[in-house]
N, C-alpha and C. Protein backbone atom coordinates (compact mmCIF):
# COMPACT_ATOMS: atom_id res chain seq x y z
N MET A 1 132.78 66.57 37.60
CA MET A 1 132.57 67.37 38.84
C MET A 1 133.94 67.29 39.59
N LYS A 2 134.69 68.46 39.44
CA LYS A 2 135.84 68.51 40.02
C LYS A 2 135.98 68.94 41.54
N VAL A 3 136.82 68.04 42.29
CA VAL A 3 137.28 68.21 43.49
C VAL A 3 138.45 69.17 43.55
N ASN A 4 138.26 70.21 44.36
CA ASN A 4 139.38 71.18 44.56
C ASN A 4 139.69 71.19 46.00
N LEU A 5 140.78 70.33 46.32
CA LEU A 5 141.15 70.32 47.80
C LEU A 5 141.30 71.61 48.33
N ARG A 6 140.99 71.94 49.65
CA ARG A 6 141.23 73.10 50.32
C ARG A 6 140.27 74.31 49.77
N THR A 7 139.47 73.84 48.86
CA THR A 7 138.81 75.08 48.27
C THR A 7 137.16 74.73 48.09
N GLY A 8 136.91 73.47 47.74
CA GLY A 8 135.38 73.11 47.41
C GLY A 8 135.26 72.19 46.56
N VAL A 9 134.06 71.71 45.94
CA VAL A 9 133.70 70.73 44.82
C VAL A 9 132.87 71.48 43.92
N ASP A 10 133.25 71.19 42.55
CA ASP A 10 132.52 71.74 41.54
C ASP A 10 132.37 73.28 41.60
N LYS A 11 131.14 73.90 41.57
CA LYS A 11 131.02 75.42 41.63
C LYS A 11 130.89 75.89 43.24
N LEU A 12 130.94 74.93 44.06
CA LEU A 12 130.76 75.23 45.63
C LEU A 12 132.22 75.45 46.09
N LEU A 13 132.26 76.75 46.90
CA LEU A 13 133.43 77.17 47.40
C LEU A 13 133.23 77.53 49.00
N PHE A 14 134.23 76.87 49.72
CA PHE A 14 133.92 77.12 51.16
C PHE A 14 133.98 78.61 51.49
N GLY A 15 132.79 78.78 52.20
CA GLY A 15 132.73 80.27 52.68
C GLY A 15 131.40 80.71 52.05
N MET A 16 130.72 79.99 51.13
CA MET A 16 129.59 80.64 50.57
C MET A 16 128.49 80.54 51.58
N LYS A 17 127.50 81.36 51.33
CA LYS A 17 126.39 81.35 52.16
C LYS A 17 125.19 80.64 51.53
N GLN A 18 124.23 80.45 52.31
CA GLN A 18 123.12 79.55 51.65
C GLN A 18 122.55 80.15 50.43
N GLN A 19 122.26 81.42 50.23
CA GLN A 19 121.67 82.01 49.13
C GLN A 19 122.65 81.85 47.88
N ASP A 20 124.10 81.95 48.17
CA ASP A 20 124.99 81.70 47.07
C ASP A 20 124.75 80.22 46.36
N VAL A 21 124.66 79.22 47.36
CA VAL A 21 124.46 77.92 46.99
C VAL A 21 123.10 77.79 46.20
N LYS A 22 122.27 78.14 46.79
CA LYS A 22 120.69 78.19 45.99
C LYS A 22 120.76 78.76 44.67
N ALA A 23 121.54 79.78 44.55
CA ALA A 23 121.53 80.53 43.15
C ALA A 23 122.23 79.44 42.17
N ILE A 24 123.12 78.57 42.62
CA ILE A 24 123.74 77.64 41.63
C ILE A 24 122.76 76.37 41.65
N TYR A 25 122.48 75.76 42.62
CA TYR A 25 121.58 74.55 42.64
C TYR A 25 120.36 74.48 43.05
N GLY A 26 119.57 75.76 43.24
CA GLY A 26 118.26 75.73 43.61
C GLY A 26 118.14 75.34 44.94
N GLU A 27 116.70 75.21 45.22
CA GLU A 27 116.43 74.82 46.86
C GLU A 27 116.89 73.29 46.95
N PRO A 28 117.18 73.20 48.34
CA PRO A 28 117.77 71.76 48.64
C PRO A 28 116.62 70.70 48.65
N ASP A 29 116.83 69.60 48.49
CA ASP A 29 115.67 68.54 48.62
C ASP A 29 115.42 68.32 50.07
N ARG A 30 116.45 68.60 50.94
CA ARG A 30 116.05 68.61 52.43
C ARG A 30 117.02 69.43 53.19
N GLU A 31 116.51 70.05 54.16
CA GLU A 31 117.09 71.02 55.00
C GLU A 31 116.93 70.63 56.37
N TYR A 32 117.81 70.64 57.26
CA TYR A 32 117.65 70.32 58.71
C TYR A 32 118.84 70.88 59.36
N LYS A 33 118.64 71.00 60.84
CA LYS A 33 119.84 71.38 61.71
C LYS A 33 120.32 70.21 62.35
N ASP A 34 121.74 70.18 62.46
CA ASP A 34 122.27 69.11 63.22
C ASP A 34 122.37 69.52 64.88
N ASP A 35 123.00 68.57 65.55
CA ASP A 35 122.94 68.80 67.06
C ASP A 35 123.74 70.12 67.44
N GLU A 36 124.52 70.62 66.60
CA GLU A 36 125.18 71.90 66.97
C GLU A 36 124.75 73.33 66.25
N GLU A 37 123.50 73.02 65.86
CA GLU A 37 122.76 74.09 65.28
C GLU A 37 123.14 74.53 63.80
N ASN A 38 124.12 73.70 63.21
CA ASN A 38 124.55 73.92 61.84
C ASN A 38 123.53 73.72 60.94
N ILE A 39 123.24 74.13 59.73
CA ILE A 39 122.26 74.21 58.95
C ILE A 39 122.90 73.13 57.78
N ILE A 40 122.25 72.04 57.59
CA ILE A 40 122.52 71.12 56.51
C ILE A 40 121.51 71.13 55.32
N TYR A 41 122.26 71.16 54.16
CA TYR A 41 121.40 71.11 52.86
C TYR A 41 121.76 69.73 52.36
N VAL A 42 120.62 68.97 51.85
CA VAL A 42 120.87 67.85 50.91
C VAL A 42 120.34 68.02 49.70
N TYR A 43 121.26 67.74 48.64
CA TYR A 43 120.77 67.80 47.15
C TYR A 43 120.83 66.32 46.62
N ASN A 44 119.81 65.67 46.35
CA ASN A 44 119.79 64.36 45.81
C ASN A 44 120.33 64.06 44.71
N LYS A 45 120.02 64.97 43.48
CA LYS A 45 120.60 64.66 42.18
C LYS A 45 122.18 64.72 42.33
N GLU A 46 122.73 65.83 43.04
CA GLU A 46 124.19 65.95 42.93
C GLU A 46 124.79 65.11 44.04
N LYS A 47 124.06 64.48 44.93
CA LYS A 47 124.43 63.60 46.02
C LYS A 47 125.49 64.26 46.85
N PHE A 48 125.07 65.56 47.37
CA PHE A 48 125.66 66.51 48.07
C PHE A 48 124.95 66.45 49.62
N ARG A 49 125.74 66.62 50.68
CA ARG A 49 125.21 66.95 51.95
C ARG A 49 126.31 68.21 52.32
N LEU A 50 125.62 69.42 52.40
CA LEU A 50 126.45 70.46 52.64
C LEU A 50 126.10 71.10 54.07
N THR A 51 127.23 71.42 54.77
CA THR A 51 126.95 71.91 56.17
C THR A 51 127.45 73.37 56.27
N PHE A 52 126.62 74.23 56.60
CA PHE A 52 126.66 75.64 56.80
C PHE A 52 127.02 75.78 58.48
N TYR A 53 128.15 76.35 58.68
CA TYR A 53 128.34 76.41 60.38
C TYR A 53 127.72 77.45 61.00
N SER A 54 126.92 77.21 62.05
CA SER A 54 126.13 78.25 62.77
C SER A 54 127.36 79.31 63.50
N ASP A 55 128.38 78.68 63.79
CA ASP A 55 129.44 79.67 64.73
C ASP A 55 130.11 80.35 63.72
N GLU A 56 129.95 80.19 62.33
CA GLU A 56 130.83 81.05 61.36
C GLU A 56 129.86 81.61 60.41
N ASP A 57 128.76 82.33 60.93
CA ASP A 57 127.82 83.12 60.27
C ASP A 57 127.21 82.32 59.10
N LEU A 58 126.90 81.08 59.25
CA LEU A 58 126.51 80.12 58.33
C LEU A 58 127.06 80.08 56.93
N ARG A 59 128.41 80.04 56.99
CA ARG A 59 129.31 79.76 55.90
C ARG A 59 129.26 78.26 55.48
N LEU A 60 129.55 77.96 54.30
CA LEU A 60 129.60 76.48 53.72
C LEU A 60 131.02 76.13 54.43
N GLY A 61 131.08 74.95 55.16
CA GLY A 61 132.48 74.59 55.75
C GLY A 61 132.62 73.04 55.42
N TYR A 62 131.69 72.27 55.05
CA TYR A 62 131.79 71.02 55.01
C TYR A 62 130.90 70.44 53.84
N ILE A 63 131.60 69.68 53.02
CA ILE A 63 130.90 68.86 51.88
C ILE A 63 131.04 67.42 51.93
N ILE A 64 129.95 66.82 51.80
CA ILE A 64 130.11 65.12 51.91
C ILE A 64 129.31 64.91 50.41
N SER A 65 129.93 64.02 49.55
CA SER A 65 129.35 63.58 48.47
C SER A 65 129.75 62.12 48.02
N ALA A 66 128.67 61.53 47.47
CA ALA A 66 128.89 60.26 46.80
C ALA A 66 128.66 60.28 45.34
N ASN A 67 128.81 61.47 44.73
CA ASN A 67 128.64 61.55 43.35
C ASN A 67 129.52 60.96 42.48
N PRO A 68 129.02 59.94 41.61
CA PRO A 68 130.03 59.14 40.82
C PRO A 68 130.85 59.94 39.76
N ASP A 69 130.49 61.22 39.58
CA ASP A 69 131.11 62.01 38.77
C ASP A 69 132.11 62.88 39.18
N LEU A 70 132.43 62.59 40.76
CA LEU A 70 133.62 63.36 41.41
C LEU A 70 135.07 62.99 40.58
N GLU A 71 135.71 63.99 40.49
CA GLU A 71 137.22 63.66 39.99
C GLU A 71 137.98 64.49 40.71
N LEU A 72 139.40 63.81 41.07
CA LEU A 72 140.35 64.45 41.90
C LEU A 72 141.69 64.26 40.91
N PHE A 73 142.24 65.36 40.64
CA PHE A 73 143.40 65.25 39.69
C PHE A 73 143.18 64.42 38.40
N SER A 74 141.90 64.92 37.83
CA SER A 74 141.35 64.36 36.70
C SER A 74 141.18 62.80 36.64
N ASN A 75 141.00 62.26 37.83
CA ASN A 75 140.47 60.83 37.78
C ASN A 75 139.26 60.68 38.75
N LYS A 76 138.38 59.84 38.36
CA LYS A 76 137.23 59.49 39.03
C LYS A 76 137.57 58.82 40.36
N ILE A 77 136.97 59.08 41.46
CA ILE A 77 137.34 58.52 42.61
C ILE A 77 136.24 57.46 43.23
N ILE A 78 134.82 57.94 43.09
CA ILE A 78 133.76 57.13 43.80
C ILE A 78 133.67 55.77 42.91
N GLY A 79 133.63 54.76 43.57
CA GLY A 79 133.63 53.40 42.93
C GLY A 79 134.96 52.90 42.55
N GLN A 80 135.87 53.58 42.90
CA GLN A 80 137.41 53.16 42.44
C GLN A 80 137.97 52.43 43.60
N LYS A 81 138.78 51.53 43.28
CA LYS A 81 139.41 50.76 44.28
C LYS A 81 140.52 51.67 45.24
N TRP A 82 140.50 51.60 46.45
CA TRP A 82 141.35 52.44 47.35
C TRP A 82 142.75 52.67 46.80
N GLY A 83 143.38 51.49 46.56
CA GLY A 83 144.77 51.59 46.22
C GLY A 83 144.96 52.41 44.93
N ASP A 84 143.97 52.43 43.98
CA ASP A 84 144.09 53.22 42.72
C ASP A 84 144.03 54.72 43.06
N VAL A 85 142.99 54.95 44.05
CA VAL A 85 142.89 56.33 44.32
C VAL A 85 144.30 56.79 45.15
N ALA A 86 144.67 56.08 46.18
CA ALA A 86 145.82 56.41 46.96
C ALA A 86 147.10 56.52 45.97
N ALA A 87 147.21 55.70 44.92
CA ALA A 87 148.40 55.79 43.98
C ALA A 87 148.24 57.26 43.36
N VAL A 88 147.06 57.74 42.96
CA VAL A 88 146.79 59.25 42.20
C VAL A 88 147.29 60.01 43.31
N LEU A 89 146.78 59.92 44.45
CA LEU A 89 147.08 60.93 45.65
C LEU A 89 148.65 60.82 45.91
N LYS A 90 149.25 59.93 45.67
CA LYS A 90 150.87 59.81 46.14
C LYS A 90 151.41 60.51 44.97
N GLU A 91 150.97 60.36 43.48
CA GLU A 91 151.56 61.10 42.43
C GLU A 91 151.51 62.57 42.75
N ASN A 92 150.46 62.96 43.54
CA ASN A 92 150.23 64.35 43.61
C ASN A 92 150.83 64.84 45.11
N LYS A 93 151.54 64.13 45.59
CA LYS A 93 152.38 64.29 46.98
C LYS A 93 151.17 64.33 48.17
N ILE A 94 150.25 63.62 48.07
CA ILE A 94 149.30 63.50 49.25
C ILE A 94 149.46 61.99 49.64
N THR A 95 150.27 61.97 50.61
CA THR A 95 150.65 60.47 51.25
C THR A 95 150.43 60.14 52.56
N SER A 96 150.06 61.17 53.44
CA SER A 96 149.86 60.96 54.78
C SER A 96 148.45 60.78 55.26
N PHE A 97 148.04 59.59 55.71
CA PHE A 97 146.46 59.35 55.99
C PHE A 97 146.50 58.59 57.33
N GLU A 98 145.53 59.14 57.95
CA GLU A 98 145.16 58.31 59.43
C GLU A 98 143.93 57.39 58.98
N LYS A 99 144.04 56.10 59.30
CA LYS A 99 143.14 55.23 58.94
C LYS A 99 142.28 54.98 60.12
N GLU A 100 141.08 55.09 60.00
CA GLU A 100 140.00 54.89 60.94
C GLU A 100 139.07 53.79 60.61
N PRO A 101 139.16 52.46 61.15
CA PRO A 101 138.14 51.54 60.78
C PRO A 101 136.85 51.71 61.44
N PHE A 102 135.64 51.56 60.87
CA PHE A 102 134.36 51.45 61.48
C PHE A 102 133.54 50.47 60.87
N ASP A 103 133.29 49.32 61.49
CA ASP A 103 132.57 48.12 60.93
C ASP A 103 133.33 47.75 59.64
N ILE A 104 132.63 47.83 58.61
CA ILE A 104 133.06 47.38 57.34
C ILE A 104 133.57 48.65 56.45
N THR A 105 133.67 49.66 57.16
CA THR A 105 134.18 51.08 56.38
C THR A 105 135.53 51.53 57.18
N ASP A 106 136.36 51.89 56.14
CA ASP A 106 137.68 52.44 56.66
C ASP A 106 137.59 53.82 55.95
N ASN A 107 137.85 54.75 56.97
CA ASN A 107 138.11 56.19 56.52
C ASN A 107 139.46 56.52 56.51
N TYR A 108 139.85 57.15 55.37
CA TYR A 108 141.32 57.54 55.32
C TYR A 108 141.23 59.11 55.18
N PHE A 109 141.88 59.64 56.41
CA PHE A 109 141.97 61.10 56.49
C PHE A 109 143.33 61.67 56.32
N ASN A 110 143.30 62.83 55.54
CA ASN A 110 144.36 63.52 55.35
C ASN A 110 144.10 64.96 55.87
N GLU A 111 144.77 65.24 56.98
CA GLU A 111 144.48 66.62 57.81
C GLU A 111 144.92 67.84 56.83
N ASP A 112 146.15 67.73 56.19
CA ASP A 112 146.65 69.01 55.63
C ASP A 112 145.43 69.47 54.63
N ASN A 113 144.61 68.72 53.87
CA ASN A 113 143.73 69.02 52.94
C ASN A 113 142.30 68.68 53.56
N TRP A 114 142.21 68.48 54.69
CA TRP A 114 140.98 68.18 55.42
C TRP A 114 139.99 67.21 54.56
N VAL A 115 140.49 66.13 54.16
CA VAL A 115 139.56 65.36 53.13
C VAL A 115 139.55 63.89 53.77
N ILE A 116 138.51 63.29 53.88
CA ILE A 116 138.26 61.89 54.05
C ILE A 116 137.55 60.98 52.98
N PHE A 117 138.36 60.08 52.66
CA PHE A 117 137.79 58.91 51.78
C PHE A 117 137.19 57.79 52.63
N GLN A 118 135.92 57.68 52.36
CA GLN A 118 135.23 56.56 52.98
C GLN A 118 135.38 55.36 51.99
N VAL A 119 135.67 54.17 52.61
CA VAL A 119 136.08 52.99 51.85
C VAL A 119 135.29 51.90 52.30
N GLU A 120 134.54 51.10 51.44
CA GLU A 120 133.73 49.97 51.55
C GLU A 120 134.15 48.89 50.73
N PHE A 121 134.37 47.60 51.18
CA PHE A 121 134.63 46.64 50.20
C PHE A 121 135.77 46.97 49.27
N ASP A 122 136.64 47.70 49.77
CA ASP A 122 137.89 48.19 49.05
C ASP A 122 137.60 49.23 47.95
N GLU A 123 136.30 49.77 47.97
CA GLU A 123 135.97 50.86 46.95
C GLU A 123 135.71 52.15 47.69
N VAL A 124 136.04 53.48 47.23
CA VAL A 124 135.76 54.65 47.68
C VAL A 124 134.41 54.98 47.57
N ASP A 125 133.46 55.01 48.44
CA ASP A 125 131.97 55.35 48.14
C ASP A 125 131.78 56.74 48.58
N THR A 126 132.37 57.31 49.52
CA THR A 126 132.01 58.70 49.65
C THR A 126 133.36 59.53 50.02
N LEU A 127 133.14 60.86 49.73
CA LEU A 127 134.29 61.86 50.04
C LEU A 127 133.75 62.90 50.82
N GLU A 128 134.50 63.39 52.06
CA GLU A 128 134.06 64.33 52.85
C GLU A 128 135.25 65.38 52.59
N LEU A 129 134.89 66.49 52.42
CA LEU A 129 135.87 67.64 52.47
C LEU A 129 135.55 68.93 53.11
N GLY A 130 136.50 69.34 53.91
CA GLY A 130 136.32 70.39 54.88
C GLY A 130 137.15 71.48 54.66
N ALA A 131 136.43 72.73 55.00
CA ALA A 131 137.30 74.03 54.84
C ALA A 131 138.73 73.94 55.79
N VAL A 132 139.71 74.23 55.34
CA VAL A 132 140.87 74.16 56.17
C VAL A 132 141.31 75.65 56.91
N PHE A 133 142.20 75.61 57.90
CA PHE A 133 142.60 76.70 58.57
C PHE A 133 143.71 77.39 57.91
N ASN A 134 143.89 78.74 58.25
CA ASN A 134 145.01 79.34 57.87
C ASN A 134 146.05 79.34 58.93
N SER A 135 147.15 80.20 58.93
CA SER A 135 148.21 80.24 59.88
C SER A 135 147.76 81.00 61.19
N LYS A 136 146.64 81.77 61.07
CA LYS A 136 145.91 82.37 62.28
C LYS A 136 145.09 81.44 63.02
N ASP A 137 144.90 80.15 62.47
CA ASP A 137 143.92 79.08 63.17
C ASP A 137 142.55 79.56 62.99
N GLU A 138 142.28 80.43 61.83
CA GLU A 138 140.96 80.76 61.38
C GLU A 138 140.73 80.05 60.03
N PHE A 139 139.36 79.88 59.72
CA PHE A 139 139.02 79.22 58.56
C PHE A 139 139.56 80.08 57.45
N ASP A 140 139.93 79.28 56.41
CA ASP A 140 140.58 79.89 55.18
C ASP A 140 139.58 79.99 54.00
N TRP A 141 138.43 80.80 54.13
CA TRP A 141 137.41 81.06 53.33
C TRP A 141 137.79 81.44 51.95
N LYS A 142 137.24 80.61 50.99
CA LYS A 142 137.47 80.73 49.54
C LYS A 142 136.44 81.77 48.89
N PHE A 143 135.54 82.09 49.55
CA PHE A 143 134.41 82.88 48.87
C PHE A 143 134.03 84.17 49.71
């Protein structure tokens, strides 16, 4: 399951609407609204939590996944040591991270690609990927 920074994950592209996602993965296992009225889809098998932004005509704008098949630059990332993942990122010229500690979790955020690697016990356990902005400070939708 390929992670495409700035674009999406697997067949998911930022900017898709709910019906586009359902055409690929079917009905979500769970659907709810968050505090900002965004619609959240949860797909258990794929280990996806998808956010459709209410203020952006319900376009897919954020993906959280713990799928062990996630690959970035042809390397698995979930369950891998942070140092190994960071080395692959560095090889691909992604080196700037803000580290945010939360209890036993460290989040490594790269703003240029709007990606967060959640690390517990020195292993990546979750990836968060968001749609990025273009030069006009608008979302750069890919779909």
